[in-house]
PDB file of all heavy atoms in Angstrom:
ATOM      1  N   GLY A   1      10.282  12.974   2.659  1.00  0.00           N
ATOM      2  CA  GLY A   1       9.747  14.061   1.850  1.00  0.00           C
ATOM      3  C   GLY A   1       8.420  13.735   1.218  1.00  0.00           C
ATOM      4  O   GLY A   1       7.685  12.842   1.663  1.00  0.00           O
ATOM      5  N   PRO A   2       8.069  14.446   0.155  1.00  0.00           N
ATOM      6  CA  PRO A   2       6.738  14.304  -0.466  1.00  0.00           C
ATOM      7  C   PRO A   2       6.491  12.943  -1.108  1.00  0.00           C
ATOM      8  O   PRO A   2       5.338  12.599  -1.374  1.00  0.00           O
ATOM      9  CB  PRO A   2       6.721  15.419  -1.519  1.00  0.00           C
ATOM     10  CG  PRO A   2       8.164  15.716  -1.798  1.00  0.00           C
ATOM     11  CD  PRO A   2       8.873  15.495  -0.510  1.00  0.00           C
ATOM     12  N   GLU A   3       7.547  12.169  -1.356  1.00  0.00           N
ATOM     13  CA  GLU A   3       7.375  10.852  -1.969  1.00  0.00           C
ATOM     14  C   GLU A   3       6.982   9.779  -0.959  1.00  0.00           C
ATOM     15  O   GLU A   3       6.594   8.676  -1.337  1.00  0.00           O
ATOM     16  CB  GLU A   3       8.672  10.430  -2.679  1.00  0.00           C
ATOM     17  CG  GLU A   3       9.056  11.305  -3.869  1.00  0.00           C
ATOM     18  CD  GLU A   3       7.963  11.307  -4.924  1.00  0.00           C
ATOM     19  OE1 GLU A   3       7.482  10.215  -5.295  1.00  0.00           O
ATOM     20  OE2 GLU A   3       7.584  12.396  -5.377  1.00  0.00           O
ATOM     21  N   ARG A   4       7.074  10.090   0.320  1.00  0.00           N
ATOM     22  CA  ARG A   4       6.745   9.104   1.355  1.00  0.00           C
ATOM     23  C   ARG A   4       5.237   8.845   1.358  1.00  0.00           C
ATOM     24  O   ARG A   4       4.432   9.778   1.265  1.00  0.00           O
ATOM     25  CB  ARG A   4       7.186   9.607   2.729  1.00  0.00           C
ATOM     26  CG  ARG A   4       6.928   8.614   3.866  1.00  0.00           C
ATOM     27  CD  ARG A   4       7.440   9.180   5.187  1.00  0.00           C
ATOM     28  NE  ARG A   4       7.062   8.352   6.318  1.00  0.00           N
ATOM     29  CZ  ARG A   4       7.744   7.292   6.726  1.00  0.00           C
ATOM     30  NH1 ARG A   4       8.845   6.926   6.079  1.00  0.00           N
ATOM     31  NH2 ARG A   4       7.355   6.590   7.778  1.00  0.00           N
ATOM     32  N   ILE A   5       4.858   7.569   1.473  1.00  0.00           N
ATOM     33  CA  ILE A   5       3.435   7.242   1.481  1.00  0.00           C
ATOM     34  C   ILE A   5       2.791   7.748   2.772  1.00  0.00           C
ATOM     35  O   ILE A   5       3.429   7.817   3.818  1.00  0.00           O
ATOM     36  CB  ILE A   5       3.191   5.727   1.291  1.00  0.00           C
ATOM     37  CG1 ILE A   5       3.821   4.919   2.419  1.00  0.00           C
ATOM     38  CG2 ILE A   5       3.690   5.264  -0.050  1.00  0.00           C
ATOM     39  CD1 ILE A   5       3.531   3.430   2.316  1.00  0.00           C
ATOM     40  N   ASP A   6       1.511   8.108   2.661  1.00  0.00           N
ATOM     41  CA  ASP A   6       0.790   8.677   3.796  1.00  0.00           C
ATOM     42  C   ASP A   6      -0.019   7.651   4.573  1.00  0.00           C
ATOM     43  O   ASP A   6      -0.286   7.846   5.756  1.00  0.00           O
ATOM     44  CB  ASP A   6      -0.142   9.782   3.307  1.00  0.00           C
ATOM     45  CG  ASP A   6       0.630  10.968   2.751  1.00  0.00           C
ATOM     46  OD1 ASP A   6       1.332  11.610   3.539  1.00  0.00           O
ATOM     47  OD2 ASP A   6       0.531  11.232   1.543  1.00  0.00           O
ATOM     48  N   LEU A   7      -0.431   6.595   3.908  1.00  0.00           N
ATOM     49  CA  LEU A   7      -1.206   5.561   4.593  1.00  0.00           C
ATOM     50  C   LEU A   7      -1.132   4.265   3.818  1.00  0.00           C
ATOM     51  O   LEU A   7      -0.775   4.240   2.635  1.00  0.00           O
ATOM     52  CB  LEU A   7      -2.664   5.991   4.781  1.00  0.00           C
ATOM     53  CG  LEU A   7      -3.511   6.186   3.524  1.00  0.00           C
ATOM     54  CD1 LEU A   7      -4.342   4.955   3.214  1.00  0.00           C
ATOM     55  CD2 LEU A   7      -4.423   7.398   3.679  1.00  0.00           C
ATOM     56  N   VAL A   8      -1.482   3.186   4.495  1.00  0.00           N
ATOM     57  CA  VAL A   8      -1.481   1.850   3.898  1.00  0.00           C
ATOM     58  C   VAL A   8      -2.902   1.301   3.918  1.00  0.00           C
ATOM     59  O   VAL A   8      -3.598   1.402   4.941  1.00  0.00           O
ATOM     60  CB  VAL A   8      -0.553   0.895   4.678  1.00  0.00           C
ATOM     61  CG1 VAL A   8      -0.710  -0.540   4.188  1.00  0.00           C
ATOM     62  CG2 VAL A   8       0.896   1.351   4.540  1.00  0.00           C
ATOM     63  N   THR A   9      -3.326   0.743   2.814  1.00  0.00           N
ATOM     64  CA  THR A   9      -4.605   0.039   2.756  1.00  0.00           C
ATOM     65  C   THR A   9      -4.344  -1.458   2.749  1.00  0.00           C
ATOM     66  O   THR A   9      -3.536  -1.939   1.951  1.00  0.00           O
ATOM     67  CB  THR A   9      -5.393   0.428   1.486  1.00  0.00           C
ATOM     68  OG1 THR A   9      -5.740   1.806   1.551  1.00  0.00           O
ATOM     69  CG2 THR A   9      -6.662  -0.391   1.367  1.00  0.00           C
ATOM     70  N   VAL A  10      -5.025  -2.181   3.629  1.00  0.00           N
ATOM     71  CA  VAL A  10      -4.870  -3.635   3.708  1.00  0.00           C
ATOM     72  C   VAL A  10      -6.100  -4.280   3.086  1.00  0.00           C
ATOM     73  O   VAL A  10      -7.202  -4.210   3.630  1.00  0.00           O
ATOM     74  CB  VAL A  10      -4.704  -4.106   5.165  1.00  0.00           C
ATOM     75  CG1 VAL A  10      -4.497  -5.620   5.209  1.00  0.00           C
ATOM     76  CG2 VAL A  10      -3.547  -3.380   5.835  1.00  0.00           C
ATOM     77  N   VAL A  11      -5.903  -4.880   1.936  1.00  0.00           N
ATOM     78  CA  VAL A  11      -6.977  -5.571   1.216  1.00  0.00           C
ATOM     79  C   VAL A  11      -6.454  -6.963   0.892  1.00  0.00           C
ATOM     80  O   VAL A  11      -5.743  -7.162  -0.081  1.00  0.00           O
ATOM     81  CB  VAL A  11      -7.376  -4.825  -0.074  1.00  0.00           C
ATOM     82  CG1 VAL A  11      -8.584  -5.487  -0.717  1.00  0.00           C
ATOM     83  CG2 VAL A  11      -7.677  -3.370   0.217  1.00  0.00           C
ATOM     84  N   ALA A  12      -6.787  -7.924   1.738  1.00  0.00           N
ATOM     85  CA  ALA A  12      -6.227  -9.265   1.639  1.00  0.00           C
ATOM     86  C   ALA A  12      -7.150 -10.229   2.356  1.00  0.00           C
ATOM     87  O   ALA A  12      -8.092  -9.815   3.029  1.00  0.00           O
ATOM     88  CB  ALA A  12      -4.826  -9.291   2.280  1.00  0.00           C
ATOM     89  N   PRO A  13      -6.911 -11.546   2.231  1.00  0.00           N
ATOM     90  CA  PRO A  13      -7.678 -12.501   3.041  1.00  0.00           C
ATOM     91  C   PRO A  13      -7.569 -12.174   4.529  1.00  0.00           C
ATOM     92  O   PRO A  13      -6.602 -11.546   4.985  1.00  0.00           O
ATOM     93  CB  PRO A  13      -7.018 -13.847   2.704  1.00  0.00           C
ATOM     94  CG  PRO A  13      -6.524 -13.663   1.306  1.00  0.00           C
ATOM     95  CD  PRO A  13      -6.050 -12.235   1.256  1.00  0.00           C
ATOM     96  N   ASN A  14      -8.552 -12.605   5.302  1.00  0.00           N
ATOM     97  CA  ASN A  14      -8.668 -12.223   6.708  1.00  0.00           C
ATOM     98  C   ASN A  14      -7.396 -12.453   7.517  1.00  0.00           C
ATOM     99  O   ASN A  14      -7.048 -11.646   8.383  1.00  0.00           O
ATOM    100  CB  ASN A  14      -9.819 -12.988   7.367  1.00  0.00           C
ATOM    101  CG  ASN A  14     -11.176 -12.581   6.830  1.00  0.00           C
ATOM    102  OD1 ASN A  14     -11.305 -11.609   6.095  1.00  0.00           O
ATOM    103  ND2 ASN A  14     -12.203 -13.341   7.193  1.00  0.00           N
ATOM    104  N   ASN A  15      -6.713 -13.562   7.261  1.00  0.00           N
ATOM    105  CA  ASN A  15      -5.556 -13.907   8.082  1.00  0.00           C
ATOM    106  C   ASN A  15      -4.390 -12.944   7.902  1.00  0.00           C
ATOM    107  O   ASN A  15      -3.465 -12.932   8.718  1.00  0.00           O
ATOM    108  CB  ASN A  15      -5.088 -15.336   7.783  1.00  0.00           C
ATOM    109  CG  ASN A  15      -4.491 -15.475   6.393  1.00  0.00           C
ATOM    110  OD1 ASN A  15      -5.104 -15.061   5.412  1.00  0.00           O
ATOM    111  ND2 ASN A  15      -3.322 -16.067   6.288  1.00  0.00           N
ATOM    112  N   MET A  16      -4.426 -12.114   6.849  1.00  0.00           N
ATOM    113  CA  MET A  16      -3.340 -11.173   6.605  1.00  0.00           C
ATOM    114  C   MET A  16      -3.612  -9.783   7.171  1.00  0.00           C
ATOM    115  O   MET A  16      -2.705  -8.946   7.221  1.00  0.00           O
ATOM    116  CB  MET A  16      -3.079 -11.066   5.096  1.00  0.00           C
ATOM    117  CG  MET A  16      -2.609 -12.357   4.455  1.00  0.00           C
ATOM    118  SD  MET A  16      -1.133 -13.029   5.260  1.00  0.00           S
ATOM    119  CE  MET A  16       0.059 -11.723   4.961  1.00  0.00           C
ATOM    120  N   HIS A  17      -4.825  -9.507   7.615  1.00  0.00           N
ATOM    121  CA  HIS A  17      -5.140  -8.162   8.093  1.00  0.00           C
ATOM    122  C   HIS A  17      -4.274  -7.766   9.282  1.00  0.00           C
ATOM    123  O   HIS A  17      -3.723  -6.666   9.314  1.00  0.00           O
ATOM    124  CB  HIS A  17      -6.620  -8.062   8.474  1.00  0.00           C
ATOM    125  CG  HIS A  17      -7.545  -8.228   7.315  1.00  0.00           C
ATOM    126  ND1 HIS A  17      -8.927  -8.261   7.454  1.00  0.00           N
ATOM    127  CD2 HIS A  17      -7.304  -8.368   5.989  1.00  0.00           C
ATOM    128  CE1 HIS A  17      -9.480  -8.420   6.274  1.00  0.00           C
ATOM    129  NE2 HIS A  17      -8.510  -8.494   5.367  1.00  0.00           N
ATOM    130  N   TYR A  18      -4.153  -8.658  10.246  1.00  0.00           N
ATOM    131  CA  TYR A  18      -3.387  -8.345  11.449  1.00  0.00           C
ATOM    132  C   TYR A  18      -1.884  -8.219  11.189  1.00  0.00           C
ATOM    133  O   TYR A  18      -1.283  -7.197  11.558  1.00  0.00           O
ATOM    134  CB  TYR A  18      -3.663  -9.384  12.526  1.00  0.00           C
ATOM    135  CG  TYR A  18      -2.778  -9.288  13.741  1.00  0.00           C
ATOM    136  CD1 TYR A  18      -3.023  -8.345  14.730  1.00  0.00           C
ATOM    137  CD2 TYR A  18      -1.683 -10.150  13.901  1.00  0.00           C
ATOM    138  CE1 TYR A  18      -2.208  -8.256  15.850  1.00  0.00           C
ATOM    139  CE2 TYR A  18      -0.872 -10.067  15.007  1.00  0.00           C
ATOM    140  CZ  TYR A  18      -1.127  -9.120  15.980  1.00  0.00           C
ATOM    141  OH  TYR A  18      -0.317  -9.029  17.080  1.00  0.00           O
ATOM    142  N   PRO A  19      -1.224  -9.214  10.579  1.00  0.00           N
ATOM    143  CA  PRO A  19       0.232  -9.074  10.405  1.00  0.00           C
ATOM    144  C   PRO A  19       0.625  -7.888   9.529  1.00  0.00           C
ATOM    145  O   PRO A  19       1.627  -7.221   9.811  1.00  0.00           O
ATOM    146  CB  PRO A  19       0.653 -10.407   9.779  1.00  0.00           C
ATOM    147  CG  PRO A  19      -0.585 -10.988   9.216  1.00  0.00           C
ATOM    148  CD  PRO A  19      -1.693 -10.522  10.090  1.00  0.00           C
ATOM    149  N   VAL A  20      -0.157  -7.599   8.482  1.00  0.00           N
ATOM    150  CA  VAL A  20       0.185  -6.459   7.629  1.00  0.00           C
ATOM    151  C   VAL A  20      -0.018  -5.149   8.393  1.00  0.00           C
ATOM    152  O   VAL A  20       0.791  -4.222   8.302  1.00  0.00           O
ATOM    153  CB  VAL A  20      -0.644  -6.473   6.336  1.00  0.00           C
ATOM    154  CG1 VAL A  20      -0.341  -5.242   5.488  1.00  0.00           C
ATOM    155  CG2 VAL A  20      -0.349  -7.734   5.523  1.00  0.00           C
ATOM    156  N   THR A  21      -1.091  -5.072   9.167  1.00  0.00           N
ATOM    157  CA  THR A  21      -1.342  -3.870   9.968  1.00  0.00           C
ATOM    158  C   THR A  21      -0.204  -3.625  10.952  1.00  0.00           C
ATOM    159  O   THR A  21       0.306  -2.493  11.069  1.00  0.00           O
ATOM    160  CB  THR A  21      -2.671  -4.001  10.731  1.00  0.00           C
ATOM    161  OG1 THR A  21      -3.759  -4.036   9.791  1.00  0.00           O
ATOM    162  CG2 THR A  21      -2.873  -2.838  11.685  1.00  0.00           C
ATOM    163  N   MET A  22       0.208  -4.659  11.662  1.00  0.00           N
ATOM    164  CA  MET A  22       1.265  -4.487  12.659  1.00  0.00           C
ATOM    165  C   MET A  22       2.594  -4.124  11.996  1.00  0.00           C
ATOM    166  O   MET A  22       3.365  -3.306  12.520  1.00  0.00           O
ATOM    167  CB  MET A  22       1.407  -5.757  13.489  1.00  0.00           C
ATOM    168  CG  MET A  22       0.174  -6.083  14.325  1.00  0.00           C
ATOM    169  SD  MET A  22      -0.217  -4.823  15.563  1.00  0.00           S
ATOM    170  CE  MET A  22       0.811  -5.377  16.926  1.00  0.00           C
ATOM    171  N   ALA A  23       2.871  -4.718  10.825  1.00  0.00           N
ATOM    172  CA  ALA A  23       4.095  -4.377  10.103  1.00  0.00           C
ATOM    173  C   ALA A  23       4.052  -2.930   9.630  1.00  0.00           C
ATOM    174  O   ALA A  23       5.075  -2.227   9.650  1.00  0.00           O
ATOM    175  CB  ALA A  23       4.287  -5.327   8.921  1.00  0.00           C
ATOM    176  N   ALA A  24       2.877  -2.461   9.207  1.00  0.00           N
ATOM    177  CA  ALA A  24       2.728  -1.068   8.785  1.00  0.00           C
ATOM    178  C   ALA A  24       2.951  -0.128   9.963  1.00  0.00           C
ATOM    179  O   ALA A  24       3.611   0.910   9.844  1.00  0.00           O
ATOM    180  CB  ALA A  24       1.352  -0.847   8.173  1.00  0.00           C
ATOM    181  N   PHE A  25       2.405  -0.481  11.123  1.00  0.00           N
ATOM    182  CA  PHE A  25       2.632   0.331  12.321  1.00  0.00           C
ATOM    183  C   PHE A  25       4.120   0.404  12.653  1.00  0.00           C
ATOM    184  O   PHE A  25       4.647   1.468  12.996  1.00  0.00           O
ATOM    185  CB  PHE A  25       1.871  -0.262  13.511  1.00  0.00           C
ATOM    186  CG  PHE A  25       0.391  -0.016  13.492  1.00  0.00           C
ATOM    187  CD1 PHE A  25      -0.450  -0.726  14.340  1.00  0.00           C
ATOM    188  CD2 PHE A  25      -0.176   0.928  12.647  1.00  0.00           C
ATOM    189  CE1 PHE A  25      -1.815  -0.491  14.359  1.00  0.00           C
ATOM    190  CE2 PHE A  25      -1.545   1.166  12.649  1.00  0.00           C
ATOM    191  CZ  PHE A  25      -2.365   0.454  13.513  1.00  0.00           C
ATOM    192  N   ASP A  26       4.808  -0.742  12.558  1.00  0.00           N
ATOM    193  CA  ASP A  26       6.244  -0.767  12.843  1.00  0.00           C
ATOM    194  C   ASP A  26       7.022   0.158  11.904  1.00  0.00           C
ATOM    195  O   ASP A  26       8.046   0.726  12.292  1.00  0.00           O
ATOM    196  CB  ASP A  26       6.789  -2.187  12.724  1.00  0.00           C
ATOM    197  CG  ASP A  26       6.322  -3.103  13.846  1.00  0.00           C
ATOM    198  OD1 ASP A  26       5.895  -2.577  14.890  1.00  0.00           O
ATOM    199  OD2 ASP A  26       6.365  -4.335  13.668  1.00  0.00           O
ATOM    200  N   ALA A  27       6.524   0.278  10.662  1.00  0.00           N
ATOM    201  CA  ALA A  27       7.180   1.135   9.669  1.00  0.00           C
ATOM    202  C   ALA A  27       6.746   2.592   9.795  1.00  0.00           C
ATOM    203  O   ALA A  27       7.276   3.457   9.095  1.00  0.00           O
ATOM    204  CB  ALA A  27       6.887   0.621   8.265  1.00  0.00           C
ATOM    205  N   GLY A  28       5.767   2.864  10.668  1.00  0.00           N
ATOM    206  CA  GLY A  28       5.344   4.236  10.903  1.00  0.00           C
ATOM    207  C   GLY A  28       4.226   4.737  10.010  1.00  0.00           C
ATOM    208  O   GLY A  28       4.088   5.952   9.823  1.00  0.00           O
ATOM    209  N   PHE A  29       3.393   3.812   9.483  1.00  0.00           N
ATOM    210  CA  PHE A  29       2.334   4.219   8.581  1.00  0.00           C
ATOM    211  C   PHE A  29       0.946   4.002   9.192  1.00  0.00           C
ATOM    212  O   PHE A  29       0.692   2.954   9.800  1.00  0.00           O
ATOM    213  CB  PHE A  29       2.411   3.426   7.277  1.00  0.00           C
ATOM    214  CG  PHE A  29       3.694   3.607   6.522  1.00  0.00           C
ATOM    215  CD1 PHE A  29       4.482   2.508   6.206  1.00  0.00           C
ATOM    216  CD2 PHE A  29       4.118   4.866   6.130  1.00  0.00           C
ATOM    217  CE1 PHE A  29       5.669   2.660   5.510  1.00  0.00           C
ATOM    218  CE2 PHE A  29       5.313   5.032   5.439  1.00  0.00           C
ATOM    219  CZ  PHE A  29       6.085   3.940   5.125  1.00  0.00           C
ATOM    220  N   PRO A  30       0.026   4.966   9.025  1.00  0.00           N
ATOM    221  CA  PRO A  30      -1.372   4.730   9.397  1.00  0.00           C
ATOM    222  C   PRO A  30      -1.970   3.627   8.532  1.00  0.00           C
ATOM    223  O   PRO A  30      -1.512   3.387   7.396  1.00  0.00           O
ATOM    224  CB  PRO A  30      -2.046   6.075   9.113  1.00  0.00           C
ATOM    225  CG  PRO A  30      -0.929   7.070   9.083  1.00  0.00           C
ATOM    226  CD  PRO A  30       0.257   6.323   8.555  1.00  0.00           C
TER     227      PRO A  30
END
């Protein structure tokens, strides 16, 4: 419903950009 997040922002050291992005994709988030 309306409480579901619409997107994820990844703001972290470089080594975390990829794993967080892929985990977000797995959860269904842009």
